[in-house]
Amino acid sequence: MEFIRDDMLFKPYETMGGWQCIMNTKRGKISVRYGSPGLFVTVEYPYEVWYPTDDAPIGNQSAENIWDYIKNIK
């Protein structure tokens, strides 16, 4: 089962439950997790994201944060 949320395609995340979206960018892959237990998220910022330029995932991300990051890739 897959679904689209905020223009991102989420698939089941087998490792921790919940959902994951992988997006390929010029800088590398972005991993967006949603709905997994233990994520650092809030209702307003529902995603935990591992950006290719970071050493670890960042919690409390919104779709706007993710799409702004992608738009600003040079």
Protein backbone atom coordinates (compact mmCIF):
# COMPACT_ATOMS: atom_id res chain seq x y z
CA MET A 1 0.00 0.00 0.00
CA GLU A 2 1.24 3.48 -0.93
CA PHE A 3 -0.19 6.94 -0.54
CA ILE A 4 0.59 10.53 -1.49
CA ARG A 5 0.75 13.24 1.13
CA ASP A 6 2.03 16.78 0.51
CA ASP A 7 3.05 15.71 -3.03
CA MET A 8 5.32 12.95 -1.66
CA LEU A 9 4.83 9.21 -2.33
CA PHE A 10 5.00 7.22 0.91
CA LYS A 11 5.55 3.48 1.12
CA PRO A 12 5.54 1.23 4.21
CA TYR A 13 8.72 1.57 6.28
CA GLU A 14 9.51 -1.98 7.31
CA THR A 15 12.27 -1.22 9.81
CA MET A 16 10.32 0.89 12.30
CA GLY A 17 6.76 0.87 11.02
CA GLY A 18 5.11 3.95 9.65
CA TRP A 19 5.88 5.34 6.21
CA GLN A 20 8.87 6.52 4.18
CA CYS A 21 9.35 8.62 1.07
CA ILE A 22 12.69 8.54 -0.75
CA MET A 23 13.37 11.45 -3.13
CA ASN A 24 16.39 11.65 -5.40
CA THR A 25 18.00 15.09 -5.72
CA LYS A 26 21.20 16.48 -7.23
CA ARG A 27 22.81 16.25 -3.77
CA GLY A 28 21.63 12.71 -3.05
CA LYS A 29 18.63 10.99 -1.54
CA ILE A 30 16.25 12.58 0.94
CA SER A 31 14.52 10.17 3.31
CA VAL A 32 11.24 11.44 4.75
CA ARG A 33 9.62 9.39 7.53
CA TYR A 34 6.08 9.76 8.76
CA GLY A 35 3.94 7.97 11.32
CA SER A 36 6.66 5.80 12.87
CA PRO A 37 6.80 5.42 16.65
CA GLY A 38 9.62 7.40 18.24
CA LEU A 39 9.96 10.09 15.57
CA PHE A 40 10.62 13.64 16.76
CA VAL A 41 7.55 15.31 15.25
CA THR A 42 4.52 17.43 16.09
CA VAL A 43 1.14 17.90 14.44
CA GLU A 44 2.37 21.04 12.66
CA TYR A 45 5.72 19.43 11.71
CA PRO A 46 4.88 15.78 11.02
CA TYR A 47 8.04 14.63 9.27
CA GLU A 48 11.49 13.44 10.29
CA VAL A 49 13.88 13.98 7.39
CA TRP A 50 17.39 12.82 6.57
CA TYR A 51 18.79 15.34 4.13
CA PRO A 52 21.82 14.22 2.10
CA THR A 53 23.92 17.08 3.50
CA ASP A 54 23.29 16.13 7.16
CA ASP A 55 24.87 13.47 9.36
CA ALA A 56 21.60 12.49 11.06
CA PRO A 57 17.84 12.87 10.60
CA ILE A 58 16.17 16.12 11.62
CA GLY A 59 12.78 16.03 13.31
CA ASN A 60 9.94 18.52 13.28
CA GLN A 61 10.00 19.19 9.55
CA SER A 62 7.06 20.39 7.47
CA ALA A 63 6.39 19.76 3.79
CA GLU A 64 7.35 23.41 3.24
CA ASN A 65 10.76 22.79 4.87
CA ILE A 66 11.37 19.80 2.59
CA TRP A 67 10.27 21.48 -0.65
CA ASP A 68 12.24 24.66 0.21
CA TYR A 69 15.37 22.54 0.68
CA ILE A 70 14.83 20.93 -2.74
CA LYS A 71 14.12 24.28 -4.45
CA ASN A 72 17.34 25.75 -3.06
CA ILE A 73 19.64 22.97 -4.31
CA LYS A 74 22.17 24.45 -6.69
